[in-house]
Protein backbone atom coordinates (compact mmCIF):
# COMPACT_ATOMS: atom_id res chain seq x y z
CA UNK A 1 0.00 0.00 0.00
CA UNK A 2 1.39 3.35 -1.02
CA UNK A 3 1.25 5.88 1.75
CA UNK A 4 1.47 9.63 1.42
CA UNK A 5 2.60 11.42 4.54
CA UNK A 6 3.16 15.13 4.99
CA UNK A 7 6.50 15.34 6.78
CA UNK A 8 6.53 16.73 10.25
CA UNK A 9 9.51 17.92 12.23
CA UNK A 10 8.64 15.85 15.30
CA UNK A 11 11.10 17.66 17.54
CA UNK A 12 9.41 20.98 16.76
CA UNK A 13 5.97 19.45 17.12
CA UNK A 14 6.74 17.79 20.44
CA UNK A 15 8.27 21.06 21.61
CA UNK A 16 5.16 22.95 20.51
CA UNK A 17 2.92 20.54 22.44
CA UNK A 18 4.21 21.94 25.72
CA UNK A 19 3.86 25.53 24.58
CA UNK A 20 0.91 25.65 22.21
CA UNK A 21 -1.41 23.07 23.70
CA UNK A 22 -4.78 24.38 22.55
CA UNK A 23 -6.00 23.86 19.00
CA UNK A 24 -9.24 23.99 17.10
CA UNK A 25 -10.41 20.72 15.62
CA UNK A 26 -13.03 20.61 12.87
CA UNK A 27 -14.87 17.62 11.49
CA UNK A 28 -14.57 17.99 7.72
CA UNK A 29 -17.68 15.92 7.08
CA UNK A 30 -20.06 17.78 9.42
CA UNK A 31 -18.25 21.14 9.98
CA UNK A 32 -18.59 20.68 13.74
CA UNK A 33 -15.78 22.56 15.48
CA UNK A 34 -14.51 22.82 19.05
CA UNK A 35 -11.35 23.39 21.07
CA UNK A 36 -9.05 20.52 21.97
CA UNK A 37 -5.81 20.10 23.91
CA UNK A 38 -2.75 18.44 22.37
CA UNK A 39 -1.48 15.64 24.59
CA UNK A 40 1.46 14.36 22.56
CA UNK A 41 2.84 13.59 19.11
CA UNK A 42 4.23 10.33 17.84
CA UNK A 43 5.44 9.16 14.44
CA UNK A 44 2.92 10.74 12.04
CA UNK A 45 0.14 10.98 14.61
CA UNK A 46 -1.02 13.05 17.54
CA UNK A 47 -3.40 12.64 20.46
CA UNK A 48 -5.80 15.38 21.48
CA UNK A 49 -8.24 15.65 24.34
CA UNK A 50 -11.76 17.07 24.15
CA UNK A 51 -15.05 16.43 25.91
CA UNK A 52 -16.67 16.32 22.46
CA UNK A 53 -14.67 13.46 20.90
CA UNK A 54 -17.75 11.37 20.16
CA UNK A 55 -18.99 14.05 17.75
CA UNK A 56 -16.10 13.54 15.34
CA UNK A 57 -16.09 11.19 12.37
CA UNK A 58 -13.12 9.94 10.36
CA UNK A 59 -11.88 13.08 8.54
CA UNK A 60 -10.71 16.03 10.63
CA UNK A 61 -8.37 19.01 10.56
CA UNK A 62 -6.44 20.85 13.28
CA UNK A 63 -5.67 24.53 13.42
CA UNK A 64 -3.60 26.47 15.89
CA UNK A 65 -5.18 29.77 16.76
CA UNK A 66 -2.51 31.95 15.18
CA UNK A 67 -2.27 29.97 11.95
CA UNK A 68 -4.33 30.21 8.76
CA UNK A 69 -3.29 26.71 7.74
CA UNK A 70 -5.08 23.47 8.56
CA UNK A 71 -3.35 20.19 9.39
CA UNK A 72 -5.41 17.42 7.82
CA UNK A 73 -5.76 14.06 9.50
CA UNK A 74 -8.09 11.17 10.10
CA UNK A 75 -9.34 9.70 13.36
CA UNK A 76 -7.47 6.49 14.07
CA UNK A 77 -9.05 5.69 17.42
CA UNK A 78 -11.30 7.13 20.13
CA UNK A 79 -10.85 6.42 23.81
CA UNK A 80 -12.94 8.20 26.45
CA UNK A 81 -12.13 11.89 25.90
CA UNK A 82 -9.12 11.32 23.63
CA UNK A 83 -8.75 11.19 19.85
CA UNK A 84 -5.74 9.65 18.15
CA UNK A 85 -5.28 11.38 14.79
CA UNK A 86 -3.09 10.05 12.00
CA UNK A 87 -1.44 12.26 9.39
CA UNK A 88 -0.94 9.37 6.94
CA UNK A 89 -3.20 8.91 3.94
CA UNK A 90 -3.55 6.11 1.42
CA UNK A 91 -2.70 7.23 -2.11
CA UNK A 92 -6.23 6.26 -3.20
CA UNK A 93 -8.25 5.87 0.00
CA UNK A 94 -11.45 3.87 -0.32
CA UNK A 95 -13.51 6.69 1.11
CA UNK A 96 -12.32 8.98 -1.71
CA UNK A 97 -13.42 6.44 -4.33
CA UNK A 98 -17.00 6.37 -3.15
CA UNK A 99 -19.46 9.12 -3.79
CA UNK A 100 -19.08 11.57 -0.96
CA UNK A 101 -21.75 11.20 1.67
CA UNK A 102 -23.56 14.31 2.86
CA UNK A 103 -24.73 14.44 6.44
CA UNK A 104 -27.73 16.50 7.59
CA UNK A 105 -26.65 19.24 10.00
CA UNK A 106 -28.08 22.45 11.40
CA UNK A 107 -25.33 25.03 11.86
CA UNK A 108 -26.16 28.76 12.01
CA UNK A 109 -23.52 30.63 10.05
CA UNK A 110 -22.93 33.69 7.89
CA UNK A 111 -21.86 33.99 4.29
CA UNK A 112 -20.34 36.88 2.37
CA UNK A 113 -18.97 37.62 -1.06
CA UNK A 114 -15.21 37.18 -1.22
CA UNK A 115 -13.74 40.56 -0.30
CA UNK A 116 -17.17 41.91 0.63
CA UNK A 117 -18.32 43.27 3.97
CA UNK A 118 -22.02 42.38 3.83
CA UNK A 119 -22.81 39.25 5.81
CA UNK A 120 -25.87 37.15 5.03
CA UNK A 121 -27.20 34.97 7.83
CA UNK A 122 -27.67 31.37 6.77
CA UNK A 123 -28.06 27.83 8.05
CA UNK A 124 -25.84 25.00 6.86
CA UNK A 125 -28.30 22.16 6.26
CA UNK A 126 -25.98 19.39 5.04
CA UNK A 127 -22.23 18.98 4.81
CA UNK A 128 -19.48 16.75 3.43
CA UNK A 129 -15.70 16.84 3.08
CA UNK A 130 -15.74 19.00 -0.04
CA UNK A 131 -18.76 21.21 0.44
CA UNK A 132 -22.09 22.00 1.99
CA UNK A 133 -25.60 23.28 1.34
CA UNK A 134 -26.77 26.55 2.87
CA UNK A 135 -30.30 27.91 3.33
CA UNK A 136 -30.72 31.69 3.31
CA UNK A 137 -32.45 34.68 1.78
CA UNK A 138 -30.39 37.07 -0.32
CA UNK A 139 -28.10 34.48 -1.87
CA UNK A 140 -28.64 35.97 -5.33
CA UNK A 141 -26.78 39.09 -4.18
CA UNK A 142 -23.58 37.15 -3.53
CA UNK A 143 -20.77 36.53 -6.00
CA UNK A 144 -19.74 32.99 -6.88
CA UNK A 145 -16.59 33.36 -4.74
CA UNK A 146 -17.67 33.49 -1.10
CA UNK A 147 -16.47 33.24 2.48
CA UNK A 148 -18.33 31.04 4.93
CA UNK A 149 -18.19 32.18 8.57
CA UNK A 150 -18.78 29.48 11.19
CA UNK A 151 -18.72 31.13 14.65
CA UNK A 152 -16.86 28.34 16.47
CA UNK A 153 -14.15 28.23 13.79
CA UNK A 154 -13.31 31.96 14.12
CA UNK A 155 -11.81 32.14 10.60
CA UNK A 156 -13.69 32.41 7.29
CA UNK A 157 -13.58 29.41 4.97
CA UNK A 158 -13.33 30.34 1.31
CA UNK A 159 -15.47 28.59 -1.27
CA UNK A 160 -17.35 28.70 -4.54
CA UNK A 161 -21.10 28.65 -5.12
CA UNK A 162 -21.58 25.86 -7.64
CA UNK A 163 -25.37 26.08 -7.85
CA UNK A 164 -28.07 28.25 -6.36
CA UNK A 165 -31.83 28.37 -6.26
CA UNK A 166 -34.41 30.39 -4.36
CA UNK A 167 -33.42 30.19 -0.72
CA UNK A 168 -30.55 27.71 -1.01
CA UNK A 169 -27.15 27.17 -2.60
CA UNK A 170 -24.46 24.52 -2.90
CA UNK A 171 -20.92 25.51 -1.93
CA UNK A 172 -17.61 23.88 -2.74
CA UNK A 173 -15.24 24.58 0.15
CA UNK A 174 -11.59 25.42 -0.51
CA UNK A 175 -9.80 24.10 2.56
CA UNK A 176 -6.45 25.71 3.26
CA UNK A 177 -4.48 22.57 4.10
CA UNK A 178 -0.78 22.83 4.80
CA UNK A 179 1.45 20.92 2.40
CA UNK A 180 4.53 21.13 4.62
CA UNK A 181 5.32 20.81 8.31
CA UNK A 182 2.74 22.32 10.65
CA UNK A 183 5.64 23.91 12.52
CA UNK A 184 5.56 26.73 9.97
CA UNK A 185 7.43 29.98 10.43
CA UNK A 186 4.45 31.58 12.13
CA UNK A 187 4.12 28.69 14.59
CA UNK A 188 7.86 28.62 15.21
CA UNK A 189 7.74 32.36 15.86
CA UNK A 190 4.90 31.85 18.33
CA UNK A 191 6.84 29.10 20.10
CA UNK A 192 9.93 31.31 20.29
CA UNK A 193 7.95 34.28 21.61
CA UNK A 194 6.25 32.17 24.30
CA UNK A 195 9.58 30.66 25.30
CA UNK A 196 11.10 34.11 25.62
CA UNK A 197 8.19 35.27 27.79
CA UNK A 198 8.52 32.13 29.93
CA UNK A 199 12.28 32.69 30.30
CA UNK A 200 11.74 36.32 31.34
CA UNK A 201 9.11 35.26 33.87
CA UNK A 202 11.36 32.52 35.22
CA UNK A 203 14.27 34.97 35.58
CA UNK A 204 12.03 37.46 37.37
CA UNK A 205 10.78 34.80 39.81
CA UNK A 206 14.35 33.62 40.44
CA UNK A 207 15.42 37.19 41.20
CA UNK A 208 12.51 37.61 43.62
CA UNK A 209 13.43 34.36 45.40
CA UNK A 210 17.03 35.51 45.80
CA UNK A 211 15.86 38.90 47.08
CA UNK A 212 13.45 37.35 49.58
CA UNK A 213 16.13 34.95 50.81
CA UNK A 214 18.63 37.75 51.41
CA UNK A 215 16.02 40.10 52.85
CA UNK A 216 16.71 42.81 50.30
CA UNK A 217 14.78 43.86 47.22
CA UNK A 218 16.39 43.23 43.83
CA UNK A 219 17.37 46.88 43.38
CA UNK A 220 18.66 47.48 46.94
CA UNK A 221 22.25 47.04 48.06
CA UNK A 222 23.46 46.26 51.57
CA UNK A 223 24.90 49.34 53.27
CA UNK A 224 28.36 49.10 54.72
CA UNK A 225 28.60 49.62 58.48
C-alpha atoms as a PDB file:
ATOM      1  CA  UNK A   1       0.000   0.000   0.000  1.00  0.00           C
ATOM      2  CA  UNK A   2       1.390   3.351  -1.019  1.00  0.00           C
ATOM      3  CA  UNK A   3       1.245   5.882   1.752  1.00  0.00           C
ATOM      4  CA  UNK A   4       1.474   9.627   1.417  1.00  0.00           C
ATOM      5  CA  UNK A   5       2.601  11.416   4.540  1.00  0.00           C
ATOM      6  CA  UNK A   6       3.157  15.131   4.989  1.00  0.00           C
ATOM      7  CA  UNK A   7       6.502  15.339   6.784  1.00  0.00           C
ATOM      8  CA  UNK A   8       6.533  16.734  10.252  1.00  0.00           C
ATOM      9  CA  UNK A   9       9.509  17.920  12.231  1.00  0.00           C
ATOM     10  CA  UNK A  10       8.643  15.851  15.301  1.00  0.00           C
ATOM     11  CA  UNK A  11      11.103  17.663  17.541  1.00  0.00           C
ATOM     12  CA  UNK A  12       9.413  20.984  16.764  1.00  0.00           C
ATOM     13  CA  UNK A  13       5.971  19.445  17.121  1.00  0.00           C
ATOM     14  CA  UNK A  14       6.737  17.788  20.443  1.00  0.00           C
ATOM     15  CA  UNK A  15       8.270  21.057  21.609  1.00  0.00           C
ATOM     16  CA  UNK A  16       5.159  22.946  20.512  1.00  0.00           C
ATOM     17  CA  UNK A  17       2.922  20.543  22.439  1.00  0.00           C
ATOM     18  CA  UNK A  18       4.210  21.937  25.720  1.00  0.00           C
ATOM     19  CA  UNK A  19       3.863  25.529  24.583  1.00  0.00           C
ATOM     20  CA  UNK A  20       0.913  25.651  22.206  1.00  0.00           C
ATOM     21  CA  UNK A  21      -1.412  23.068  23.704  1.00  0.00           C
ATOM     22  CA  UNK A  22      -4.784  24.380  22.551  1.00  0.00           C
ATOM     23  CA  UNK A  23      -5.996  23.862  19.002  1.00  0.00           C
ATOM     24  CA  UNK A  24      -9.244  23.990  17.099  1.00  0.00           C
ATOM     25  CA  UNK A  25     -10.412  20.724  15.621  1.00  0.00           C
ATOM     26  CA  UNK A  26     -13.027  20.613  12.871  1.00  0.00           C
ATOM     27  CA  UNK A  27     -14.868  17.618  11.493  1.00  0.00           C
ATOM     28  CA  UNK A  28     -14.574  17.987   7.718  1.00  0.00           C
ATOM     29  CA  UNK A  29     -17.683  15.924   7.081  1.00  0.00           C
ATOM     30  CA  UNK A  30     -20.063  17.784   9.419  1.00  0.00           C
ATOM     31  CA  UNK A  31     -18.251  21.137   9.978  1.00  0.00           C
ATOM     32  CA  UNK A  32     -18.589  20.677  13.737  1.00  0.00           C
ATOM     33  CA  UNK A  33     -15.776  22.563  15.481  1.00  0.00           C
ATOM     34  CA  UNK A  34     -14.507  22.816  19.054  1.00  0.00           C
ATOM     35  CA  UNK A  35     -11.349  23.391  21.068  1.00  0.00           C
ATOM     36  CA  UNK A  36      -9.046  20.522  21.967  1.00  0.00           C
ATOM     37  CA  UNK A  37      -5.812  20.096  23.910  1.00  0.00           C
ATOM     38  CA  UNK A  38      -2.753  18.438  22.374  1.00  0.00           C
ATOM     39  CA  UNK A  39      -1.484  15.644  24.595  1.00  0.00           C
ATOM     40  CA  UNK A  40       1.456  14.357  22.564  1.00  0.00           C
ATOM     41  CA  UNK A  41       2.842  13.593  19.111  1.00  0.00           C
ATOM     42  CA  UNK A  42       4.226  10.328  17.836  1.00  0.00           C
ATOM     43  CA  UNK A  43       5.435   9.161  14.438  1.00  0.00           C
ATOM     44  CA  UNK A  44       2.923  10.741  12.044  1.00  0.00           C
ATOM     45  CA  UNK A  45       0.141  10.985  14.609  1.00  0.00           C
ATOM     46  CA  UNK A  46      -1.020  13.051  17.535  1.00  0.00           C
ATOM     47  CA  UNK A  47      -3.396  12.642  20.456  1.00  0.00           C
ATOM     48  CA  UNK A  48      -5.801  15.380  21.479  1.00  0.00           C
ATOM     49  CA  UNK A  49      -8.243  15.653  24.336  1.00  0.00           C
ATOM     50  CA  UNK A  50     -11.758  17.070  24.154  1.00  0.00           C
ATOM     51  CA  UNK A  51     -15.049  16.431  25.911  1.00  0.00           C
ATOM     52  CA  UNK A  52     -16.675  16.319  22.456  1.00  0.00           C
ATOM     53  CA  UNK A  53     -14.670  13.456  20.905  1.00  0.00           C
ATOM     54  CA  UNK A  54     -17.751  11.371  20.159  1.00  0.00           C
ATOM     55  CA  UNK A  55     -18.988  14.054  17.754  1.00  0.00           C
ATOM     56  CA  UNK A  56     -16.099  13.540  15.335  1.00  0.00           C
ATOM     57  CA  UNK A  57     -16.095  11.186  12.372  1.00  0.00           C
ATOM     58  CA  UNK A  58     -13.124   9.944  10.357  1.00  0.00           C
ATOM     59  CA  UNK A  59     -11.885  13.076   8.540  1.00  0.00           C
ATOM     60  CA  UNK A  60     -10.710  16.035  10.634  1.00  0.00           C
ATOM     61  CA  UNK A  61      -8.371  19.011  10.559  1.00  0.00           C
ATOM     62  CA  UNK A  62      -6.442  20.848  13.280  1.00  0.00           C
ATOM     63  CA  UNK A  63      -5.670  24.531  13.418  1.00  0.00           C
ATOM     64  CA  UNK A  64      -3.595  26.471  15.887  1.00  0.00           C
ATOM     65  CA  UNK A  65      -5.185  29.774  16.759  1.00  0.00           C
ATOM     66  CA  UNK A  66      -2.514  31.951  15.179  1.00  0.00           C
ATOM     67  CA  UNK A  67      -2.267  29.970  11.950  1.00  0.00           C
ATOM     68  CA  UNK A  68      -4.332  30.211   8.764  1.00  0.00           C
ATOM     69  CA  UNK A  69      -3.293  26.705   7.735  1.00  0.00           C
ATOM     70  CA  UNK A  70      -5.083  23.470   8.565  1.00  0.00           C
ATOM     71  CA  UNK A  71      -3.354  20.195   9.393  1.00  0.00           C
ATOM     72  CA  UNK A  72      -5.406  17.425   7.820  1.00  0.00           C
ATOM     73  CA  UNK A  73      -5.755  14.055   9.503  1.00  0.00           C
ATOM     74  CA  UNK A  74      -8.090  11.167  10.103  1.00  0.00           C
ATOM     75  CA  UNK A  75      -9.339   9.697  13.359  1.00  0.00           C
ATOM     76  CA  UNK A  76      -7.473   6.487  14.068  1.00  0.00           C
ATOM     77  CA  UNK A  77      -9.053   5.693  17.422  1.00  0.00           C
ATOM     78  CA  UNK A  78     -11.303   7.125  20.127  1.00  0.00           C
ATOM     79  CA  UNK A  79     -10.853   6.417  23.810  1.00  0.00           C
ATOM     80  CA  UNK A  80     -12.939   8.198  26.447  1.00  0.00           C
ATOM     81  CA  UNK A  81     -12.129  11.887  25.905  1.00  0.00           C
ATOM     82  CA  UNK A  82      -9.121  11.325  23.627  1.00  0.00           C
ATOM     83  CA  UNK A  83      -8.747  11.191  19.848  1.00  0.00           C
ATOM     84  CA  UNK A  84      -5.736   9.653  18.153  1.00  0.00           C
ATOM     85  CA  UNK A  85      -5.282  11.380  14.792  1.00  0.00           C
ATOM     86  CA  UNK A  86      -3.090  10.045  11.998  1.00  0.00           C
ATOM     87  CA  UNK A  87      -1.438  12.256   9.385  1.00  0.00           C
ATOM     88  CA  UNK A  88      -0.938   9.366   6.944  1.00  0.00           C
ATOM     89  CA  UNK A  89      -3.201   8.914   3.943  1.00  0.00           C
ATOM     90  CA  UNK A  90      -3.554   6.111   1.417  1.00  0.00           C
ATOM     91  CA  UNK A  91      -2.704   7.230  -2.110  1.00  0.00           C
ATOM     92  CA  UNK A  92      -6.230   6.261  -3.200  1.00  0.00           C
ATOM     93  CA  UNK A  93      -8.252   5.867   0.004  1.00  0.00           C
ATOM     94  CA  UNK A  94     -11.446   3.870  -0.317  1.00  0.00           C
ATOM     95  CA  UNK A  95     -13.509   6.694   1.107  1.00  0.00           C
ATOM     96  CA  UNK A  96     -12.319   8.977  -1.707  1.00  0.00           C
ATOM     97  CA  UNK A  97     -13.420   6.440  -4.335  1.00  0.00           C
ATOM     98  CA  UNK A  98     -16.999   6.373  -3.146  1.00  0.00           C
ATOM     99  CA  UNK A  99     -19.463   9.123  -3.790  1.00  0.00           C
ATOM    100  CA  UNK A 100     -19.077  11.571  -0.964  1.00  0.00           C
ATOM    101  CA  UNK A 101     -21.754  11.201   1.673  1.00  0.00           C
ATOM    102  CA  UNK A 102     -23.560  14.308   2.861  1.00  0.00           C
ATOM    103  CA  UNK A 103     -24.729  14.444   6.440  1.00  0.00           C
ATOM    104  CA  UNK A 104     -27.726  16.495   7.595  1.00  0.00           C
ATOM    105  CA  UNK A 105     -26.648  19.237  10.002  1.00  0.00           C
ATOM    106  CA  UNK A 106     -28.080  22.454  11.400  1.00  0.00           C
ATOM    107  CA  UNK A 107     -25.335  25.035  11.857  1.00  0.00           C
ATOM    108  CA  UNK A 108     -26.164  28.759  12.014  1.00  0.00           C
ATOM    109  CA  UNK A 109     -23.523  30.634  10.046  1.00  0.00           C
ATOM    110  CA  UNK A 110     -22.928  33.690   7.886  1.00  0.00           C
ATOM    111  CA  UNK A 111     -21.858  33.993   4.287  1.00  0.00           C
ATOM    112  CA  UNK A 112     -20.337  36.882   2.368  1.00  0.00           C
ATOM    113  CA  UNK A 113     -18.967  37.619  -1.064  1.00  0.00           C
ATOM    114  CA  UNK A 114     -15.210  37.177  -1.221  1.00  0.00           C
ATOM    115  CA  UNK A 115     -13.740  40.557  -0.296  1.00  0.00           C
ATOM    116  CA  UNK A 116     -17.170  41.915   0.627  1.00  0.00           C
ATOM    117  CA  UNK A 117     -18.322  43.269   3.970  1.00  0.00           C
ATOM    118  CA  UNK A 118     -22.016  42.383   3.827  1.00  0.00           C
ATOM    119  CA  UNK A 119     -22.811  39.248   5.815  1.00  0.00           C
ATOM    120  CA  UNK A 120     -25.871  37.145   5.028  1.00  0.00           C
ATOM    121  CA  UNK A 121     -27.204  34.967   7.833  1.00  0.00           C
ATOM    122  CA  UNK A 122     -27.672  31.367   6.765  1.00  0.00           C
ATOM    123  CA  UNK A 123     -28.059  27.828   8.053  1.00  0.00           C
ATOM    124  CA  UNK A 124     -25.840  25.003   6.862  1.00  0.00           C
ATOM    125  CA  UNK A 125     -28.302  22.156   6.258  1.00  0.00           C
ATOM    126  CA  UNK A 126     -25.975  19.395   5.040  1.00  0.00           C
ATOM    127  CA  UNK A 127     -22.229  18.976   4.809  1.00  0.00           C
ATOM    128  CA  UNK A 128     -19.485  16.747   3.429  1.00  0.00           C
ATOM    129  CA  UNK A 129     -15.698  16.844   3.077  1.00  0.00           C
ATOM    130  CA  UNK A 130     -15.735  19.005  -0.038  1.00  0.00           C
ATOM    131  CA  UNK A 131     -18.763  21.210   0.439  1.00  0.00           C
ATOM    132  CA  UNK A 132     -22.092  22.003   1.993  1.00  0.00           C
ATOM    133  CA  UNK A 133     -25.604  23.285   1.341  1.00  0.00           C
ATOM    134  CA  UNK A 134     -26.774  26.546   2.870  1.00  0.00           C
ATOM    135  CA  UNK A 135     -30.296  27.907   3.325  1.00  0.00           C
ATOM    136  CA  UNK A 136     -30.720  31.686   3.308  1.00  0.00           C
ATOM    137  CA  UNK A 137     -32.449  34.682   1.776  1.00  0.00           C
ATOM    138  CA  UNK A 138     -30.393  37.073  -0.320  1.00  0.00           C
ATOM    139  CA  UNK A 139     -28.099  34.482  -1.874  1.00  0.00           C
ATOM    140  CA  UNK A 140     -28.637  35.972  -5.328  1.00  0.00           C
ATOM    141  CA  UNK A 141     -26.777  39.089  -4.176  1.00  0.00           C
ATOM    142  CA  UNK A 142     -23.580  37.148  -3.533  1.00  0.00           C
ATOM    143  CA  UNK A 143     -20.766  36.534  -6.000  1.00  0.00           C
ATOM    144  CA  UNK A 144     -19.736  32.989  -6.875  1.00  0.00           C
ATOM    145  CA  UNK A 145     -16.595  33.358  -4.738  1.00  0.00           C
ATOM    146  CA  UNK A 146     -17.670  33.489  -1.101  1.00  0.00           C
ATOM    147  CA  UNK A 147     -16.472  33.237   2.483  1.00  0.00           C
ATOM    148  CA  UNK A 148     -18.330  31.040   4.933  1.00  0.00           C
ATOM    149  CA  UNK A 149     -18.193  32.177   8.569  1.00  0.00           C
ATOM    150  CA  UNK A 150     -18.777  29.476  11.190  1.00  0.00           C
ATOM    151  CA  UNK A 151     -18.716  31.131  14.649  1.00  0.00           C
ATOM    152  CA  UNK A 152     -16.858  28.343  16.468  1.00  0.00           C
ATOM    153  CA  UNK A 153     -14.153  28.226  13.792  1.00  0.00           C
ATOM    154  CA  UNK A 154     -13.307  31.958  14.116  1.00  0.00           C
ATOM    155  CA  UNK A 155     -11.814  32.138  10.605  1.00  0.00           C
ATOM    156  CA  UNK A 156     -13.689  32.411   7.290  1.00  0.00           C
ATOM    157  CA  UNK A 157     -13.581  29.408   4.973  1.00  0.00           C
ATOM    158  CA  UNK A 158     -13.332  30.339   1.314  1.00  0.00           C
ATOM    159  CA  UNK A 159     -15.469  28.587  -1.270  1.00  0.00           C
ATOM    160  CA  UNK A 160     -17.350  28.699  -4.541  1.00  0.00           C
ATOM    161  CA  UNK A 161     -21.102  28.655  -5.117  1.00  0.00           C
ATOM    162  CA  UNK A 162     -21.581  25.858  -7.640  1.00  0.00           C
ATOM    163  CA  UNK A 163     -25.367  26.076  -7.845  1.00  0.00           C
ATOM    164  CA  UNK A 164     -28.070  28.248  -6.356  1.00  0.00           C
ATOM    165  CA  UNK A 165     -31.832  28.372  -6.258  1.00  0.00           C
ATOM    166  CA  UNK A 166     -34.415  30.390  -4.362  1.00  0.00           C
ATOM    167  CA  UNK A 167     -33.424  30.189  -0.716  1.00  0.00           C
ATOM    168  CA  UNK A 168     -30.546  27.710  -1.009  1.00  0.00           C
ATOM    169  CA  UNK A 169     -27.146  27.166  -2.596  1.00  0.00           C
ATOM    170  CA  UNK A 170     -24.463  24.519  -2.903  1.00  0.00           C
ATOM    171  CA  UNK A 171     -20.925  25.506  -1.930  1.00  0.00           C
ATOM    172  CA  UNK A 172     -17.612  23.876  -2.739  1.00  0.00           C
ATOM    173  CA  UNK A 173     -15.238  24.581   0.148  1.00  0.00           C
ATOM    174  CA  UNK A 174     -11.589  25.420  -0.512  1.00  0.00           C
ATOM    175  CA  UNK A 175      -9.804  24.101   2.557  1.00  0.00           C
ATOM    176  CA  UNK A 176      -6.454  25.714   3.265  1.00  0.00           C
ATOM    177  CA  UNK A 177      -4.477  22.567   4.103  1.00  0.00           C
ATOM    178  CA  UNK A 178      -0.783  22.833   4.799  1.00  0.00           C
ATOM    179  CA  UNK A 179       1.454  20.920   2.396  1.00  0.00           C
ATOM    180  CA  UNK A 180       4.526  21.126   4.624  1.00  0.00           C
ATOM    181  CA  UNK A 181       5.324  20.806   8.307  1.00  0.00           C
ATOM    182  CA  UNK A 182       2.742  22.317  10.652  1.00  0.00           C
ATOM    183  CA  UNK A 183       5.643  23.914  12.518  1.00  0.00           C
ATOM    184  CA  UNK A 184       5.559  26.732   9.970  1.00  0.00           C
ATOM    185  CA  UNK A 185       7.435  29.978  10.431  1.00  0.00           C
ATOM    186  CA  UNK A 186       4.454  31.576  12.132  1.00  0.00           C
ATOM    187  CA  UNK A 187       4.122  28.686  14.593  1.00  0.00           C
ATOM    188  CA  UNK A 188       7.864  28.624  15.205  1.00  0.00           C
ATOM    189  CA  UNK A 189       7.741  32.363  15.861  1.00  0.00           C
ATOM    190  CA  UNK A 190       4.897  31.850  18.327  1.00  0.00           C
ATOM    191  CA  UNK A 191       6.837  29.100  20.097  1.00  0.00           C
ATOM    192  CA  UNK A 192       9.932  31.308  20.287  1.00  0.00           C
ATOM    193  CA  UNK A 193       7.953  34.276  21.610  1.00  0.00           C
ATOM    194  CA  UNK A 194       6.253  32.174  24.299  1.00  0.00           C
ATOM    195  CA  UNK A 195       9.580  30.656  25.298  1.00  0.00           C
ATOM    196  CA  UNK A 196      11.095  34.106  25.621  1.00  0.00           C
ATOM    197  CA  UNK A 197       8.192  35.267  27.794  1.00  0.00           C
ATOM    198  CA  UNK A 198       8.516  32.129  29.933  1.00  0.00           C
ATOM    199  CA  UNK A 199      12.276  32.694  30.303  1.00  0.00           C
ATOM    200  CA  UNK A 200      11.736  36.322  31.341  1.00  0.00           C
ATOM    201  CA  UNK A 201       9.107  35.258  33.866  1.00  0.00           C
ATOM    202  CA  UNK A 202      11.358  32.516  35.225  1.00  0.00           C
ATOM    203  CA  UNK A 203      14.267  34.968  35.581  1.00  0.00           C
ATOM    204  CA  UNK A 204      12.027  37.461  37.374  1.00  0.00           C
ATOM    205  CA  UNK A 205      10.777  34.805  39.811  1.00  0.00           C
ATOM    206  CA  UNK A 206      14.353  33.619  40.445  1.00  0.00           C
ATOM    207  CA  UNK A 207      15.421  37.195  41.201  1.00  0.00           C
ATOM    208  CA  UNK A 208      12.510  37.606  43.621  1.00  0.00           C
ATOM    209  CA  UNK A 209      13.429  34.364  45.405  1.00  0.00           C
ATOM    210  CA  UNK A 210      17.028  35.512  45.803  1.00  0.00           C
ATOM    211  CA  UNK A 211      15.859  38.897  47.076  1.00  0.00           C
ATOM    212  CA  UNK A 212      13.454  37.347  49.581  1.00  0.00           C
ATOM    213  CA  UNK A 213      16.131  34.949  50.811  1.00  0.00           C
ATOM    214  CA  UNK A 214      18.629  37.753  51.412  1.00  0.00           C
ATOM    215  CA  UNK A 215      16.024  40.098  52.853  1.00  0.00           C
ATOM    216  CA  UNK A 216      16.705  42.811  50.303  1.00  0.00           C
ATOM    217  CA  UNK A 217      14.785  43.861  47.219  1.00  0.00           C
ATOM    218  CA  UNK A 218      16.388  43.234  43.832  1.00  0.00           C
ATOM    219  CA  UNK A 219      17.374  46.879  43.381  1.00  0.00           C
ATOM    220  CA  UNK A 220      18.657  47.485  46.944  1.00  0.00           C
ATOM    221  CA  UNK A 221      22.250  47.036  48.063  1.00  0.00           C
ATOM    222  CA  UNK A 222      23.455  46.260  51.574  1.00  0.00           C
ATOM    223  CA  UNK A 223      24.902  49.336  53.271  1.00  0.00           C
ATOM    224  CA  UNK A 224      28.361  49.100  54.720  1.00  0.00           C
ATOM    225  CA  UNK A 225      28.602  49.625  58.483  1.00  0.00           C
END
